[in-house]
Amino acid sequence: MEKIFRPNPNSFKNTFCVFHEASLDSINGLELQYDSKSGSKYYYTKVGMYRLSNHWGRLANSKWRLEPLEPEIDSKIKLGFAPWINFYPDNALDELYYLEANYLKKTVNYQHRNNPSYDKKAILRTSFETTKRIKQVRNLFNLTSWAKYFDYEDLDFLRKKIIDELIFTNKSLEEIKKELK
């Protein structure tokens, strides 16, 4: 009989990870190895972890995000998978995070500097600074009241110009807006 793979529970503390949503069929035949007090269920394999949960984002001392399937499944409980190599260290002091904007979907997310697709163009920030910038970008995507102070022909172009500055420079939102007026 094959030995069940069990990682050290402390190996997940203070980590950042992006899980990708998977079909529930993916855990068929796998043994449940941990059932948390909050209802999340964990299945470990030699290559990574499956997590079945109704909550994602900040978890105790970690930041685990779920990238949904396309098209999204309308279910509160989602199964995510992440390879072990995608668990990166997290702390509040170091500049570990950068932002990525999706202008078509009008969304923004943060990524870890250890992500192999990081091209070193976006500015790295601490968790606190990253959270602040995410809020600003989301407001720019979702609101239009800020735009009445600008003379523009294309709101999406103006929006992209400001968001790019927030992602690729250390300028404050106020500085960016002042330069564009």
N, C-alpha and C. Protein backbone atom coordinates (compact mmCIF):
# COMPACT_ATOMS: atom_id res chain seq x y z
N MET A 1 0.84 -1.19 0.00
CA MET A 1 0.00 0.00 0.00
C MET A 1 0.89 1.25 0.00
N GLU A 2 0.51 2.25 -0.82
CA GLU A 2 1.29 3.47 -0.93
C GLU A 2 1.10 4.33 0.33
N LYS A 3 2.22 4.88 0.81
CA LYS A 3 2.19 5.73 2.00
C LYS A 3 1.52 7.06 1.65
N ILE A 4 0.67 7.55 2.56
CA ILE A 4 -0.04 8.82 2.35
C ILE A 4 0.95 9.96 2.57
N PHE A 5 0.96 10.90 1.64
CA PHE A 5 1.83 12.07 1.73
C PHE A 5 1.23 13.09 2.68
N ARG A 6 1.99 13.49 3.68
CA ARG A 6 1.53 14.49 4.65
C ARG A 6 2.62 15.55 4.85
N PRO A 7 2.38 16.78 4.40
CA PRO A 7 3.36 17.84 4.63
C PRO A 7 3.31 18.30 6.08
N ASN A 8 4.35 18.98 6.50
CA ASN A 8 4.38 19.55 7.83
C ASN A 8 3.33 20.66 7.90
N PRO A 9 2.41 20.62 8.87
CA PRO A 9 1.35 21.65 8.95
C PRO A 9 1.91 23.08 9.05
N ASN A 10 3.08 23.23 9.65
CA ASN A 10 3.67 24.57 9.77
C ASN A 10 4.18 25.12 8.44
N SER A 11 4.28 24.27 7.43
CA SER A 11 4.80 24.72 6.14
C SER A 11 3.82 25.65 5.42
N PHE A 12 2.59 25.75 5.89
CA PHE A 12 1.60 26.62 5.26
C PHE A 12 1.47 27.97 5.95
N LYS A 13 2.07 28.12 7.12
CA LYS A 13 1.96 29.38 7.86
C LYS A 13 2.70 30.48 7.12
N ASN A 14 2.09 31.66 7.12
CA ASN A 14 2.67 32.85 6.50
C ASN A 14 3.06 32.59 5.05
N THR A 15 2.06 32.13 4.28
CA THR A 15 2.31 31.89 2.86
C THR A 15 1.28 32.62 2.00
N PHE A 16 1.68 32.84 0.77
CA PHE A 16 0.80 33.36 -0.28
C PHE A 16 0.72 32.28 -1.34
N CYS A 17 -0.49 32.03 -1.86
CA CYS A 17 -0.64 31.03 -2.90
C CYS A 17 -1.87 31.31 -3.73
N VAL A 18 -1.75 31.07 -5.03
CA VAL A 18 -2.89 31.16 -5.93
C VAL A 18 -3.27 29.74 -6.31
N PHE A 19 -4.49 29.37 -5.91
CA PHE A 19 -5.05 28.07 -6.27
C PHE A 19 -5.85 28.25 -7.56
N HIS A 20 -5.95 27.19 -8.34
CA HIS A 20 -6.78 27.22 -9.54
C HIS A 20 -7.94 26.26 -9.33
N GLU A 21 -9.14 26.76 -9.61
CA GLU A 21 -10.32 25.94 -9.38
C GLU A 21 -10.25 24.66 -10.22
N ALA A 22 -10.67 23.58 -9.60
CA ALA A 22 -10.64 22.27 -10.25
C ALA A 22 -12.01 21.60 -10.09
N SER A 23 -12.26 20.64 -10.93
CA SER A 23 -13.49 19.86 -10.87
C SER A 23 -13.48 19.00 -9.61
N LEU A 24 -14.64 18.80 -9.02
CA LEU A 24 -14.75 17.95 -7.83
C LEU A 24 -14.29 16.52 -8.11
N ASP A 25 -14.35 16.11 -9.38
CA ASP A 25 -13.87 14.78 -9.75
C ASP A 25 -12.37 14.61 -9.45
N SER A 26 -11.65 15.71 -9.36
CA SER A 26 -10.20 15.66 -9.14
C SER A 26 -9.82 14.98 -7.83
N ILE A 27 -10.73 15.01 -6.84
CA ILE A 27 -10.39 14.42 -5.54
C ILE A 27 -10.97 13.02 -5.36
N ASN A 28 -11.62 12.51 -6.40
CA ASN A 28 -12.12 11.13 -6.33
C ASN A 28 -10.95 10.18 -6.06
N GLY A 29 -11.10 9.35 -5.05
CA GLY A 29 -10.06 8.39 -4.72
C GLY A 29 -8.99 8.93 -3.78
N LEU A 30 -9.01 10.25 -3.51
CA LEU A 30 -8.04 10.82 -2.57
C LEU A 30 -8.62 10.78 -1.16
N GLU A 31 -7.76 10.58 -0.19
CA GLU A 31 -8.19 10.52 1.20
C GLU A 31 -8.16 11.92 1.82
N LEU A 32 -9.25 12.29 2.49
CA LEU A 32 -9.29 13.55 3.22
C LEU A 32 -8.24 13.47 4.32
N GLN A 33 -7.37 14.47 4.35
CA GLN A 33 -6.29 14.42 5.33
C GLN A 33 -6.40 15.47 6.43
N TYR A 34 -7.17 16.52 6.17
CA TYR A 34 -7.36 17.50 7.23
C TYR A 34 -8.70 18.17 7.02
N ASP A 35 -9.47 18.28 8.09
CA ASP A 35 -10.78 18.92 8.07
C ASP A 35 -10.71 20.05 9.11
N SER A 36 -10.65 21.30 8.65
CA SER A 36 -10.46 22.42 9.57
C SER A 36 -11.73 22.75 10.35
N LYS A 37 -11.56 23.50 11.42
CA LYS A 37 -12.70 23.92 12.25
C LYS A 37 -13.66 24.80 11.45
N SER A 38 -13.13 25.51 10.44
CA SER A 38 -13.97 26.39 9.63
C SER A 38 -14.65 25.66 8.48
N GLY A 39 -14.43 24.35 8.37
CA GLY A 39 -15.12 23.56 7.36
C GLY A 39 -14.34 23.29 6.08
N SER A 40 -13.13 23.81 5.96
CA SER A 40 -12.32 23.54 4.77
C SER A 40 -11.75 22.13 4.87
N LYS A 41 -11.65 21.49 3.72
CA LYS A 41 -11.14 20.12 3.66
C LYS A 41 -9.89 20.12 2.78
N TYR A 42 -8.87 19.37 3.23
CA TYR A 42 -7.57 19.36 2.55
C TYR A 42 -7.20 17.96 2.12
N TYR A 43 -6.72 17.89 0.89
CA TYR A 43 -6.25 16.63 0.29
C TYR A 43 -4.84 16.90 -0.23
N TYR A 44 -3.87 16.17 0.27
CA TYR A 44 -2.48 16.39 -0.12
C TYR A 44 -2.02 15.31 -1.09
N THR A 45 -1.24 15.74 -2.08
CA THR A 45 -0.60 14.80 -3.00
C THR A 45 0.88 15.15 -3.02
N LYS A 46 1.66 14.34 -3.69
CA LYS A 46 3.10 14.62 -3.78
C LYS A 46 3.38 15.90 -4.55
N VAL A 47 2.49 16.28 -5.47
CA VAL A 47 2.75 17.47 -6.28
C VAL A 47 2.06 18.73 -5.77
N GLY A 48 1.05 18.59 -4.91
CA GLY A 48 0.37 19.78 -4.43
C GLY A 48 -0.80 19.48 -3.52
N MET A 49 -1.59 20.52 -3.29
CA MET A 49 -2.70 20.44 -2.34
C MET A 49 -4.01 20.78 -3.03
N TYR A 50 -5.05 20.01 -2.69
CA TYR A 50 -6.42 20.35 -3.04
C TYR A 50 -7.06 20.89 -1.78
N ARG A 51 -7.81 21.97 -1.94
CA ARG A 51 -8.54 22.56 -0.82
C ARG A 51 -9.99 22.76 -1.25
N LEU A 52 -10.91 22.19 -0.49
CA LEU A 52 -12.34 22.33 -0.74
C LEU A 52 -12.87 23.27 0.33
N SER A 53 -13.40 24.43 -0.11
CA SER A 53 -13.77 25.44 0.88
C SER A 53 -14.82 26.40 0.32
N ASN A 54 -15.51 27.08 1.25
CA ASN A 54 -16.44 28.13 0.86
C ASN A 54 -15.87 29.52 1.15
N HIS A 55 -14.61 29.58 1.55
CA HIS A 55 -13.97 30.87 1.81
C HIS A 55 -12.51 30.86 1.34
N TRP A 56 -12.13 31.95 0.68
CA TRP A 56 -10.79 32.11 0.15
C TRP A 56 -10.33 33.53 0.44
N GLY A 57 -9.05 33.77 0.36
CA GLY A 57 -8.51 35.10 0.63
C GLY A 57 -7.58 35.03 1.82
N ARG A 58 -7.83 35.85 2.82
CA ARG A 58 -7.02 35.83 4.04
C ARG A 58 -7.48 34.68 4.92
N LEU A 59 -6.55 33.82 5.26
CA LEU A 59 -6.85 32.66 6.10
C LEU A 59 -5.86 32.65 7.26
N ALA A 60 -6.32 32.99 8.42
CA ALA A 60 -5.45 33.04 9.61
C ALA A 60 -4.21 33.85 9.28
N ASN A 61 -3.10 33.19 9.03
CA ASN A 61 -1.84 33.89 8.77
C ASN A 61 -1.35 33.71 7.34
N SER A 62 -2.25 33.39 6.43
CA SER A 62 -1.87 33.19 5.03
C SER A 62 -2.83 33.91 4.09
N LYS A 63 -2.38 34.09 2.84
CA LYS A 63 -3.20 34.70 1.80
C LYS A 63 -3.30 33.69 0.66
N TRP A 64 -4.46 33.05 0.56
CA TRP A 64 -4.69 32.06 -0.49
C TRP A 64 -5.86 32.50 -1.32
N ARG A 65 -5.61 32.67 -2.61
CA ARG A 65 -6.64 33.14 -3.53
C ARG A 65 -7.02 32.01 -4.49
N LEU A 66 -8.26 32.01 -4.91
CA LEU A 66 -8.74 31.02 -5.86
C LEU A 66 -9.02 31.70 -7.19
N GLU A 67 -8.40 31.20 -8.25
CA GLU A 67 -8.70 31.65 -9.61
C GLU A 67 -9.81 30.75 -10.13
N PRO A 68 -10.97 31.31 -10.43
CA PRO A 68 -12.13 30.48 -10.82
C PRO A 68 -12.00 29.90 -12.22
N LEU A 69 -12.77 28.84 -12.44
CA LEU A 69 -12.88 28.26 -13.77
C LEU A 69 -13.59 29.24 -14.68
N GLU A 70 -13.35 29.14 -15.97
CA GLU A 70 -14.07 29.94 -16.96
C GLU A 70 -14.97 29.01 -17.74
N PRO A 71 -16.25 29.20 -17.85
CA PRO A 71 -17.03 30.17 -17.10
C PRO A 71 -17.15 29.73 -15.63
N GLU A 72 -17.39 30.73 -14.78
CA GLU A 72 -17.48 30.44 -13.35
C GLU A 72 -18.65 29.53 -13.03
N ILE A 73 -18.41 28.67 -12.05
CA ILE A 73 -19.45 27.76 -11.56
C ILE A 73 -20.17 28.46 -10.42
N ASP A 74 -21.49 28.40 -10.42
CA ASP A 74 -22.29 29.08 -9.41
C ASP A 74 -22.46 28.19 -8.18
N SER A 75 -21.40 28.09 -7.40
CA SER A 75 -21.42 27.28 -6.19
C SER A 75 -20.59 27.98 -5.13
N LYS A 76 -21.05 27.97 -3.90
CA LYS A 76 -20.29 28.61 -2.83
C LYS A 76 -19.07 27.79 -2.44
N ILE A 77 -19.17 26.48 -2.52
CA ILE A 77 -18.06 25.61 -2.16
C ILE A 77 -17.26 25.31 -3.43
N LYS A 78 -15.96 25.63 -3.37
CA LYS A 78 -15.10 25.47 -4.54
C LYS A 78 -13.88 24.62 -4.17
N LEU A 79 -13.44 23.85 -5.16
CA LEU A 79 -12.22 23.05 -5.01
C LEU A 79 -11.11 23.75 -5.76
N GLY A 80 -10.00 23.96 -5.06
CA GLY A 80 -8.84 24.57 -5.69
C GLY A 80 -7.63 23.67 -5.57
N PHE A 81 -6.73 23.78 -6.53
CA PHE A 81 -5.48 23.02 -6.49
C PHE A 81 -4.31 23.97 -6.66
N ALA A 82 -3.24 23.72 -5.90
CA ALA A 82 -2.00 24.49 -6.04
C ALA A 82 -0.82 23.54 -5.88
N PRO A 83 0.13 23.61 -6.80
CA PRO A 83 1.37 22.83 -6.63
C PRO A 83 2.18 23.38 -5.46
N TRP A 84 2.94 22.53 -4.82
CA TRP A 84 3.74 22.95 -3.67
C TRP A 84 4.67 24.10 -4.02
N ILE A 85 5.18 24.12 -5.24
CA ILE A 85 6.13 25.18 -5.62
C ILE A 85 5.49 26.56 -5.70
N ASN A 86 4.15 26.62 -5.67
CA ASN A 86 3.44 27.90 -5.75
C ASN A 86 3.14 28.53 -4.39
N PHE A 87 3.61 27.92 -3.31
CA PHE A 87 3.45 28.51 -1.97
C PHE A 87 4.67 29.38 -1.70
N TYR A 88 4.43 30.68 -1.59
CA TYR A 88 5.52 31.64 -1.41
C TYR A 88 5.44 32.25 -0.01
N PRO A 89 6.60 32.69 0.52
CA PRO A 89 6.60 33.29 1.86
C PRO A 89 5.86 34.62 1.89
N ASP A 90 5.23 34.90 3.03
CA ASP A 90 4.48 36.13 3.22
C ASP A 90 4.86 36.75 4.55
N ASN A 91 4.94 38.07 4.57
CA ASN A 91 5.08 38.82 5.82
C ASN A 91 4.63 40.25 5.57
N ALA A 92 4.48 41.00 6.62
CA ALA A 92 3.95 42.36 6.49
C ALA A 92 5.02 43.40 6.20
N LEU A 93 6.29 43.05 6.35
CA LEU A 93 7.35 44.04 6.25
C LEU A 93 7.99 44.16 4.87
N ASP A 94 8.18 43.04 4.19
CA ASP A 94 8.90 43.06 2.91
C ASP A 94 8.00 43.46 1.75
N GLU A 95 8.63 44.02 0.73
CA GLU A 95 7.91 44.38 -0.49
C GLU A 95 7.82 43.12 -1.36
N LEU A 96 6.74 42.39 -1.18
CA LEU A 96 6.57 41.08 -1.81
C LEU A 96 5.56 41.06 -2.95
N TYR A 97 4.74 42.10 -3.08
CA TYR A 97 3.59 42.02 -3.96
C TYR A 97 3.58 43.09 -5.05
N TYR A 98 3.02 42.72 -6.18
CA TYR A 98 2.79 43.65 -7.28
C TYR A 98 1.36 43.46 -7.79
N LEU A 99 0.88 44.45 -8.52
CA LEU A 99 -0.49 44.41 -9.01
C LEU A 99 -0.55 44.04 -10.49
N GLU A 100 -1.64 43.35 -10.83
CA GLU A 100 -1.97 43.04 -12.22
C GLU A 100 -3.41 43.49 -12.45
N ALA A 101 -3.61 44.26 -13.52
CA ALA A 101 -4.97 44.72 -13.86
C ALA A 101 -5.44 44.01 -15.11
N ASN A 102 -6.71 43.65 -15.11
CA ASN A 102 -7.36 43.11 -16.30
C ASN A 102 -8.36 44.17 -16.75
N TYR A 103 -7.99 44.89 -17.80
CA TYR A 103 -8.80 46.03 -18.24
C TYR A 103 -10.09 45.59 -18.92
N LEU A 104 -10.13 44.40 -19.48
CA LEU A 104 -11.36 43.92 -20.10
C LEU A 104 -12.41 43.57 -19.05
N LYS A 105 -11.97 42.87 -17.99
CA LYS A 105 -12.88 42.46 -16.93
C LYS A 105 -13.02 43.51 -15.83
N LYS A 106 -12.17 44.53 -15.90
CA LYS A 106 -12.14 45.59 -14.89
C LYS A 106 -11.90 45.02 -13.50
N THR A 107 -10.82 44.23 -13.41
CA THR A 107 -10.44 43.64 -12.13
C THR A 107 -8.96 43.89 -11.87
N VAL A 108 -8.59 43.78 -10.61
CA VAL A 108 -7.19 43.90 -10.22
C VAL A 108 -6.90 42.85 -9.17
N ASN A 109 -5.71 42.28 -9.23
CA ASN A 109 -5.27 41.30 -8.24
C ASN A 109 -3.81 41.53 -7.92
N TYR A 110 -3.38 40.98 -6.82
CA TYR A 110 -1.97 41.07 -6.47
C TYR A 110 -1.32 39.72 -6.68
N GLN A 111 -0.03 39.78 -6.99
CA GLN A 111 0.78 38.59 -7.21
C GLN A 111 2.04 38.70 -6.37
N HIS A 112 2.69 37.59 -6.16
CA HIS A 112 3.92 37.55 -5.37
C HIS A 112 5.14 37.72 -6.27
N ARG A 113 6.16 38.37 -5.76
CA ARG A 113 7.37 38.61 -6.56
C ARG A 113 8.06 37.31 -7.00
N ASN A 114 7.81 36.19 -6.30
CA ASN A 114 8.41 34.91 -6.69
C ASN A 114 7.66 34.23 -7.83
N ASN A 115 6.54 34.80 -8.23
CA ASN A 115 5.77 34.27 -9.34
C ASN A 115 6.68 34.27 -10.58
N PRO A 116 6.83 33.12 -11.25
CA PRO A 116 7.73 33.07 -12.41
C PRO A 116 7.33 34.00 -13.55
N SER A 117 6.09 34.45 -13.60
CA SER A 117 5.69 35.35 -14.68
C SER A 117 5.92 36.84 -14.35
N TYR A 118 6.47 37.13 -13.18
CA TYR A 118 6.75 38.52 -12.80
C TYR A 118 7.87 39.07 -13.69
N ASP A 119 7.57 40.13 -14.42
CA ASP A 119 8.55 40.71 -15.36
C ASP A 119 9.36 41.86 -14.77
N LYS A 120 9.19 42.13 -13.50
CA LYS A 120 9.92 43.15 -12.75
C LYS A 120 9.62 44.58 -13.22
N LYS A 121 8.49 44.77 -13.90
CA LYS A 121 8.10 46.12 -14.33
C LYS A 121 7.17 46.77 -13.31
N ALA A 122 6.25 46.02 -12.76
CA ALA A 122 5.34 46.55 -11.74
C ALA A 122 6.12 46.74 -10.44
N ILE A 123 5.78 47.79 -9.72
CA ILE A 123 6.47 48.12 -8.46
C ILE A 123 6.06 47.12 -7.38
N LEU A 124 7.06 46.65 -6.63
CA LEU A 124 6.79 45.78 -5.48
C LEU A 124 6.42 46.63 -4.28
N ARG A 125 5.46 46.12 -3.49
CA ARG A 125 4.98 46.85 -2.32
C ARG A 125 4.75 45.89 -1.16
N THR A 126 4.62 46.47 0.02
CA THR A 126 4.26 45.67 1.20
C THR A 126 2.78 45.30 1.10
N SER A 127 2.35 44.40 1.97
CA SER A 127 0.93 44.00 1.99
C SER A 127 0.02 45.20 2.19
N PHE A 128 0.36 46.07 3.13
CA PHE A 128 -0.47 47.24 3.42
C PHE A 128 -0.56 48.16 2.22
N GLU A 129 0.60 48.47 1.60
CA GLU A 129 0.61 49.35 0.43
C GLU A 129 -0.16 48.73 -0.73
N THR A 130 -0.02 47.42 -0.88
CA THR A 130 -0.71 46.71 -1.95
C THR A 130 -2.22 46.80 -1.76
N THR A 131 -2.69 46.57 -0.55
CA THR A 131 -4.12 46.65 -0.25
C THR A 131 -4.67 48.04 -0.55
N LYS A 132 -3.92 49.05 -0.20
CA LYS A 132 -4.34 50.43 -0.45
C LYS A 132 -4.46 50.69 -1.95
N ARG A 133 -3.49 50.25 -2.72
CA ARG A 133 -3.52 50.45 -4.18
C ARG A 133 -4.66 49.65 -4.83
N ILE A 134 -4.89 48.45 -4.35
CA ILE A 134 -5.99 47.64 -4.89
C ILE A 134 -7.31 48.38 -4.72
N LYS A 135 -7.53 48.95 -3.56
CA LYS A 135 -8.77 49.70 -3.30
C LYS A 135 -8.89 50.88 -4.27
N GLN A 136 -7.79 51.58 -4.50
CA GLN A 136 -7.81 52.72 -5.41
C GLN A 136 -8.14 52.27 -6.84
N VAL A 137 -7.51 51.19 -7.28
CA VAL A 137 -7.75 50.69 -8.64
C VAL A 137 -9.20 50.22 -8.78
N ARG A 138 -9.70 49.51 -7.79
CA ARG A 138 -11.10 49.05 -7.86
C ARG A 138 -12.06 50.22 -7.93
N ASN A 139 -11.79 51.28 -7.18
CA ASN A 139 -12.64 52.47 -7.25
C ASN A 139 -12.58 53.10 -8.65
N LEU A 140 -11.40 53.14 -9.25
CA LEU A 140 -11.27 53.69 -10.60
C LEU A 140 -12.05 52.85 -11.61
N PHE A 141 -12.02 51.54 -11.44
CA PHE A 141 -12.77 50.65 -12.33
C PHE A 141 -14.28 50.77 -12.14
N ASN A 142 -14.73 50.89 -10.90
CA ASN A 142 -16.16 50.76 -10.60
C ASN A 142 -16.92 52.08 -10.49
N LEU A 143 -16.22 53.17 -10.29
CA LEU A 143 -16.88 54.47 -10.13
C LEU A 143 -16.55 55.38 -11.30
N THR A 144 -17.37 56.38 -11.50
CA THR A 144 -17.07 57.36 -12.55
C THR A 144 -17.07 58.79 -12.00
N SER A 145 -17.50 58.97 -10.77
CA SER A 145 -17.59 60.33 -10.20
C SER A 145 -16.23 61.03 -10.19
N TRP A 146 -15.14 60.30 -10.04
CA TRP A 146 -13.80 60.90 -10.03
C TRP A 146 -13.45 61.54 -11.38
N ALA A 147 -14.06 61.05 -12.45
CA ALA A 147 -13.69 61.49 -13.80
C ALA A 147 -14.24 62.87 -14.16
N LYS A 148 -15.22 63.38 -13.40
CA LYS A 148 -15.82 64.67 -13.75
C LYS A 148 -14.84 65.83 -13.62
N TYR A 149 -13.71 65.60 -12.97
CA TYR A 149 -12.71 66.64 -12.79
C TYR A 149 -11.69 66.67 -13.93
N PHE A 150 -11.87 65.79 -14.93
CA PHE A 150 -10.93 65.69 -16.04
C PHE A 150 -11.61 66.05 -17.35
N ASP A 151 -10.81 66.58 -18.26
CA ASP A 151 -11.27 66.82 -19.62
C ASP A 151 -10.76 65.63 -20.45
N TYR A 152 -11.68 64.76 -20.87
CA TYR A 152 -11.28 63.54 -21.57
C TYR A 152 -12.30 63.18 -22.64
N GLU A 153 -11.84 62.40 -23.62
CA GLU A 153 -12.73 61.91 -24.65
C GLU A 153 -13.07 60.45 -24.44
N ASP A 154 -12.16 59.70 -23.85
CA ASP A 154 -12.32 58.25 -23.69
C ASP A 154 -12.06 57.89 -22.23
N LEU A 155 -13.12 57.58 -21.50
CA LEU A 155 -12.99 57.26 -20.07
C LEU A 155 -12.11 56.04 -19.84
N ASP A 156 -12.25 55.01 -20.67
CA ASP A 156 -11.43 53.81 -20.49
C ASP A 156 -9.95 54.09 -20.68
N PHE A 157 -9.63 54.98 -21.62
CA PHE A 157 -8.23 55.36 -21.84
C PHE A 157 -7.68 56.11 -20.63
N LEU A 158 -8.47 57.06 -20.12
CA LEU A 158 -8.07 57.82 -18.93
C LEU A 158 -7.89 56.88 -17.73
N ARG A 159 -8.84 55.99 -17.55
CA ARG A 159 -8.80 55.02 -16.47
C ARG A 159 -7.51 54.18 -16.55
N LYS A 160 -7.20 53.67 -17.74
CA LYS A 160 -6.01 52.84 -17.93
C LYS A 160 -4.74 53.63 -17.63
N LYS A 161 -4.71 54.86 -18.07
CA LYS A 161 -3.53 55.72 -17.85
C LYS A 161 -3.27 55.90 -16.34
N ILE A 162 -4.31 56.16 -15.58
CA ILE A 162 -4.17 56.35 -14.13
C ILE A 162 -3.79 55.03 -13.44
N ILE A 163 -4.46 53.95 -13.80
CA ILE A 163 -4.19 52.65 -13.18
C ILE A 163 -2.77 52.19 -13.49
N ASP A 164 -2.32 52.37 -14.74
CA ASP A 164 -0.94 52.01 -15.08
C ASP A 164 0.06 52.76 -14.21
N GLU A 165 -0.21 54.02 -13.97
CA GLU A 165 0.68 54.81 -13.10
C GLU A 165 0.67 54.26 -11.67
N LEU A 166 -0.49 53.84 -11.19
CA LEU A 166 -0.57 53.26 -9.85
C LEU A 166 0.21 51.95 -9.76
N ILE A 167 0.23 51.19 -10.84
CA ILE A 167 0.91 49.89 -10.84
C ILE A 167 2.41 50.02 -11.07
N PHE A 168 2.81 50.90 -12.00
CA PHE A 168 4.20 50.94 -12.46
C PHE A 168 5.04 52.08 -11.89
N THR A 169 4.46 52.90 -11.00
CA THR A 169 5.23 53.98 -10.37
C THR A 169 4.92 54.02 -8.87
N ASN A 170 5.69 54.82 -8.18
CA ASN A 170 5.42 55.04 -6.75
C ASN A 170 4.66 56.34 -6.51
N LYS A 171 4.16 56.95 -7.58
CA LYS A 171 3.40 58.19 -7.43
C LYS A 171 2.10 57.90 -6.69
N SER A 172 1.68 58.86 -5.90
CA SER A 172 0.39 58.74 -5.21
C SER A 172 -0.73 59.00 -6.21
N LEU A 173 -1.92 58.57 -5.87
CA LEU A 173 -3.08 58.80 -6.73
C LEU A 173 -3.28 60.31 -6.93
N GLU A 174 -3.08 61.09 -5.89
CA GLU A 174 -3.24 62.53 -5.97
C GLU A 174 -2.23 63.13 -6.95
N GLU A 175 -0.96 62.66 -6.90
CA GLU A 175 0.07 63.14 -7.83
C GLU A 175 -0.30 62.80 -9.28
N ILE A 176 -0.77 61.60 -9.48
CA ILE A 176 -1.14 61.15 -10.84
C ILE A 176 -2.28 62.00 -11.38
N LYS A 177 -3.30 62.20 -10.57
CA LYS A 177 -4.45 63.01 -11.01
C LYS A 177 -4.04 64.44 -11.29
N LYS A 178 -3.17 65.00 -10.46
CA LYS A 178 -2.71 66.36 -10.64
C LYS A 178 -1.95 66.52 -11.95
N GLU A 179 -1.11 65.53 -12.28
CA GLU A 179 -0.34 65.58 -13.53
C GLU A 179 -1.24 65.48 -14.75
N LEU A 180 -2.35 64.81 -14.65
CA LEU A 180 -3.24 64.59 -15.79
C LEU A 180 -4.26 65.69 -16.00
N LYS A 181 -4.45 66.58 -15.04
CA LYS A 181 -5.44 67.66 -15.18
C LYS A 181 -4.93 68.75 -16.09
